[in-house]
Amino acid sequence: MGQRSKTPVNAIDGFSEPLDRLRAALDASCVVGTWDWDIVRSTMVYDAGAARLLTGDPSLAETEISGHETLAAVHPDDHGWLIEHVQDAVRAGGLVLAEYRVVAGDGTIHWLLSRGRTFQDAVGRPVRARGIIIDITEMREGGDRYVFSGEAASASTLEQAADLAIALKRLLGDDVAADLRLATDLVLMSLGRAIARDRGSH
């Protein structure tokens, strides 16, 4: 792998630890991921976390995929309604929010919370959607899943911050310094957890 980085990171609450250790912890946790859906071309791009959680194959990260491959790891009982819900939410525009299950390679079930926003062209046709995904298995204590779409689900401060953080991650791309990428990932992870806790308390 190469030599361990000694670069300290002071991104959140004075947290400081070698860069590669933080990156490894994020990668191993599968807690957060981002997705970018080109609706016009019917292609999806996941980062490593989302690719691992939704396709079961982290090697698909940062590549355009389409069809069944995009949701290959989604639980069979959730696959149909999830696709229908996402299509309805995209047509309506605005917020997309859903909770569903995925099946990991070892057969264990994970609960995910996916939150994103649909963007339309000048005449109101959906052209793109982007969002964040978080593994909420440890937070979930049972109960019915929830799904929301459209502007009726008003965006909280946390949700607005998540939109900005997602846009920042995409804007920075892969060429930015590693410590800045990590700081963005930490912000996304913290926001995702906070959104999940907030939704779970209502």
Protein backbone atom coordinates (compact mmCIF):
# COMPACT_ATOMS: atom_id res chain seq x y z
CA MET A 1 0.00 0.00 0.00
CA GLY A 2 2.86 2.43 0.56
CA GLN A 3 4.05 4.48 3.47
CA ARG A 4 1.59 5.62 6.13
CA SER A 5 0.69 9.27 5.84
CA LYS A 6 1.59 11.45 8.82
CA THR A 7 -0.62 14.33 7.72
CA PRO A 8 -2.96 15.39 10.55
CA VAL A 9 -6.53 16.30 9.72
CA ASN A 10 -8.42 18.88 11.75
CA ALA A 11 -11.76 18.74 9.98
CA ILE A 12 -14.47 18.35 12.59
CA ASP A 13 -14.40 19.23 16.28
CA GLY A 14 -10.60 19.32 16.34
CA PHE A 15 -10.44 15.66 15.29
CA SER A 16 -6.87 14.82 14.30
CA GLU A 17 -5.55 11.51 13.06
CA PRO A 18 -3.30 10.30 10.23
CA LEU A 19 -5.06 10.75 6.90
CA ASP A 20 -4.84 7.15 5.74
CA ARG A 21 -6.25 5.83 9.02
CA LEU A 22 -9.31 8.06 8.68
CA ARG A 23 -9.75 7.08 5.04
CA ALA A 24 -9.51 3.39 5.92
CA ALA A 25 -12.07 3.83 8.70
CA LEU A 26 -14.51 5.54 6.34
CA ASP A 27 -14.02 2.96 3.60
CA ALA A 28 -14.45 0.06 6.02
CA SER A 29 -17.52 1.49 7.75
CA CYS A 30 -19.74 1.65 4.63
CA VAL A 31 -21.51 4.45 6.47
CA VAL A 32 -21.74 7.00 3.69
CA GLY A 33 -21.80 7.19 -0.07
CA THR A 34 -22.92 9.50 -2.84
CA TRP A 35 -24.75 8.89 -6.09
CA ASP A 36 -25.18 10.88 -9.29
CA TRP A 37 -27.92 9.85 -11.73
CA ASP A 38 -27.95 11.14 -15.31
CA ILE A 39 -31.66 10.68 -15.96
CA VAL A 40 -31.49 11.59 -19.65
CA ARG A 41 -28.81 9.00 -20.39
CA SER A 42 -30.11 6.49 -17.80
CA THR A 43 -26.69 6.08 -16.20
CA MET A 44 -25.63 6.14 -12.56
CA VAL A 45 -22.27 6.98 -10.97
CA TYR A 46 -21.55 5.92 -7.38
CA ASP A 47 -18.60 6.69 -5.16
CA ALA A 48 -16.89 3.73 -3.48
CA GLY A 49 -19.25 3.61 -0.48
CA ALA A 50 -22.43 3.69 -2.54
CA ALA A 51 -21.07 1.19 -5.07
CA ARG A 52 -20.26 -1.25 -2.28
CA LEU A 53 -23.67 -0.84 -0.63
CA LEU A 54 -25.91 -0.79 -3.71
CA THR A 55 -24.15 -3.02 -6.23
CA GLY A 56 -22.05 -5.20 -3.93
CA ASP A 57 -19.04 -4.36 -6.11
CA PRO A 58 -16.83 -1.42 -5.03
CA SER A 59 -14.85 -1.70 -8.29
CA LEU A 60 -17.85 -0.08 -10.01
CA ALA A 61 -17.15 3.22 -8.20
CA GLU A 62 -16.77 6.31 -10.39
CA THR A 63 -17.85 4.45 -13.54
CA GLU A 64 -21.11 4.86 -15.44
CA ILE A 65 -23.43 1.90 -14.90
CA SER A 66 -27.01 1.26 -15.91
CA GLY A 67 -29.83 -1.24 -15.68
CA HIS A 68 -30.13 -3.90 -12.99
CA GLU A 69 -26.50 -3.45 -12.00
CA THR A 70 -27.29 -0.12 -10.34
CA LEU A 71 -29.44 -1.75 -7.63
CA ALA A 72 -28.11 -5.32 -7.70
CA ALA A 73 -27.72 -5.54 -3.90
CA VAL A 74 -31.17 -4.15 -3.02
CA HIS A 75 -33.32 -6.68 -1.14
CA PRO A 76 -35.72 -8.47 -3.53
CA ASP A 77 -38.73 -7.43 -1.43
CA ASP A 78 -37.75 -3.75 -1.71
CA HIS A 79 -36.57 -3.67 -5.31
CA GLY A 80 -39.91 -3.15 -7.05
CA TRP A 81 -41.41 -0.49 -4.80
CA LEU A 82 -38.08 1.37 -4.57
CA ILE A 83 -37.82 1.72 -8.36
CA GLU A 84 -41.45 2.85 -8.55
CA HIS A 85 -41.00 5.35 -5.73
CA VAL A 86 -37.84 6.83 -7.24
CA GLN A 87 -39.50 7.18 -10.65
CA ASP A 88 -42.51 8.92 -9.10
CA ALA A 89 -40.27 11.23 -7.07
CA VAL A 90 -38.19 12.14 -10.11
CA ARG A 91 -41.29 12.97 -12.12
CA ALA A 92 -42.55 15.18 -9.28
CA GLY A 93 -39.17 16.90 -8.91
CA GLY A 94 -37.48 18.04 -5.74
CA LEU A 95 -36.64 15.84 -2.78
CA VAL A 96 -36.21 12.06 -2.97
CA LEU A 97 -36.02 10.20 0.34
CA ALA A 98 -36.34 6.47 0.95
CA GLU A 99 -35.40 3.79 3.44
CA TYR A 100 -34.80 0.26 2.18
CA ARG A 101 -32.74 -2.90 2.63
CA VAL A 102 -29.70 -4.27 0.83
CA VAL A 103 -28.16 -7.72 1.05
CA ALA A 104 -24.40 -7.78 1.65
CA GLY A 105 -22.10 -10.35 0.08
CA ASP A 106 -22.13 -12.42 3.28
CA GLY A 107 -25.94 -12.50 3.30
CA THR A 108 -26.46 -9.97 6.11
CA ILE A 109 -29.19 -7.36 5.73
CA HIS A 110 -28.41 -3.64 5.96
CA TRP A 111 -30.88 -0.77 6.15
CA LEU A 112 -30.05 2.27 4.05
CA LEU A 113 -31.35 5.81 4.00
CA SER A 114 -31.03 7.50 0.62
CA ARG A 115 -31.64 11.21 0.25
CA GLY A 116 -31.28 13.21 -2.93
CA ARG A 117 -32.65 15.97 -5.06
CA THR A 118 -33.91 16.03 -8.64
CA PHE A 119 -32.88 18.80 -11.02
CA GLN A 120 -35.01 19.84 -13.99
CA ASP A 121 -34.29 21.65 -17.24
CA ALA A 122 -35.83 24.95 -18.29
CA VAL A 123 -39.12 23.32 -19.32
CA GLY A 124 -39.46 21.19 -16.18
CA ARG A 125 -38.14 17.86 -17.42
CA PRO A 126 -36.04 15.90 -14.91
CA VAL A 127 -32.46 15.66 -16.14
CA ARG A 128 -30.33 14.75 -13.15
CA ALA A 129 -30.54 13.63 -9.54
CA ARG A 130 -27.83 13.56 -6.89
CA GLY A 131 -27.80 12.36 -3.34
CA ILE A 132 -26.25 10.79 -0.29
CA ILE A 133 -26.65 7.31 1.16
CA ILE A 134 -26.07 6.13 4.72
CA ASP A 135 -26.17 2.74 6.42
CA ILE A 136 -28.65 3.15 9.30
CA THR A 137 -28.74 -0.51 10.38
CA GLU A 138 -27.43 0.22 13.88
CA MET A 139 -29.85 3.12 14.36
CA ARG A 140 -32.94 1.28 13.26
CA GLU A 141 -34.98 -0.34 16.02
CA GLY A 142 -37.88 -1.55 13.90
CA GLY A 143 -40.99 0.13 12.64
CA ASP A 144 -42.25 1.05 9.20
CA ARG A 145 -39.98 2.46 6.55
CA TYR A 146 -40.65 5.97 5.38
CA VAL A 147 -40.52 7.53 1.95
CA PHE A 148 -41.01 11.14 1.00
CA SER A 149 -40.79 13.00 -2.26
CA GLY A 150 -41.52 16.44 -3.60
CA GLU A 151 -41.30 19.79 -1.94
CA ALA A 152 -44.04 18.88 0.54
CA ALA A 153 -41.23 17.47 2.66
CA SER A 154 -39.65 20.80 3.49
CA ALA A 155 -35.87 20.86 3.61
CA SER A 156 -34.41 21.32 7.07
CA THR A 157 -31.12 23.06 7.72
CA LEU A 158 -29.40 19.66 7.83
CA GLU A 159 -30.90 18.68 4.48
CA GLN A 160 -29.86 21.95 2.88
CA ALA A 161 -26.35 21.43 4.25
CA ALA A 162 -26.32 17.90 2.79
CA ASP A 163 -27.26 19.30 -0.63
CA LEU A 164 -24.36 21.74 -0.45
CA ALA A 165 -21.92 19.09 0.74
CA ILE A 166 -22.92 16.73 -2.08
CA ALA A 167 -22.46 19.53 -4.60
CA LEU A 168 -19.07 20.34 -3.08
CA LYS A 169 -17.91 16.72 -3.33
CA ARG A 170 -18.86 16.56 -6.99
CA LEU A 171 -17.36 19.97 -7.73
CA LEU A 172 -14.02 19.10 -6.17
CA GLY A 173 -13.71 15.84 -8.13
CA ASP A 174 -10.80 13.44 -7.82
CA ASP A 175 -7.95 15.87 -8.49
CA VAL A 176 -8.27 17.80 -5.25
CA ALA A 177 -5.87 17.21 -2.34
CA ALA A 178 -6.57 14.03 -0.36
CA ASP A 179 -7.06 15.85 2.94
CA LEU A 180 -9.74 18.07 1.39
CA ARG A 181 -11.54 15.05 -0.08
CA LEU A 182 -11.43 13.41 3.34
CA ALA A 183 -12.80 16.50 5.07
CA THR A 184 -15.70 16.55 2.61
CA ASP A 185 -16.38 12.85 3.28
CA LEU A 186 -16.35 13.46 7.03
CA VAL A 187 -18.87 16.28 6.66
CA LEU A 188 -21.11 14.06 4.51
CA MET A 189 -20.88 11.21 6.99
CA SER A 190 -21.77 13.45 9.92
CA LEU A 191 -24.65 15.07 8.05
CA GLY A 192 -25.98 11.70 6.97
CA ARG A 193 -25.97 10.41 10.51
CA ALA A 194 -27.63 13.58 11.78
CA ILE A 195 -30.37 13.37 9.11
CA ALA A 196 -30.99 9.72 9.97
CA ARG A 197 -31.26 10.54 13.69
CA ASP A 198 -33.54 13.49 12.95
CA ARG A 199 -35.88 11.41 10.78
CA GLY A 200 -35.86 8.58 13.27
CA SER A 201 -37.01 10.86 16.07
CA HIS A 202 -40.18 11.91 14.22
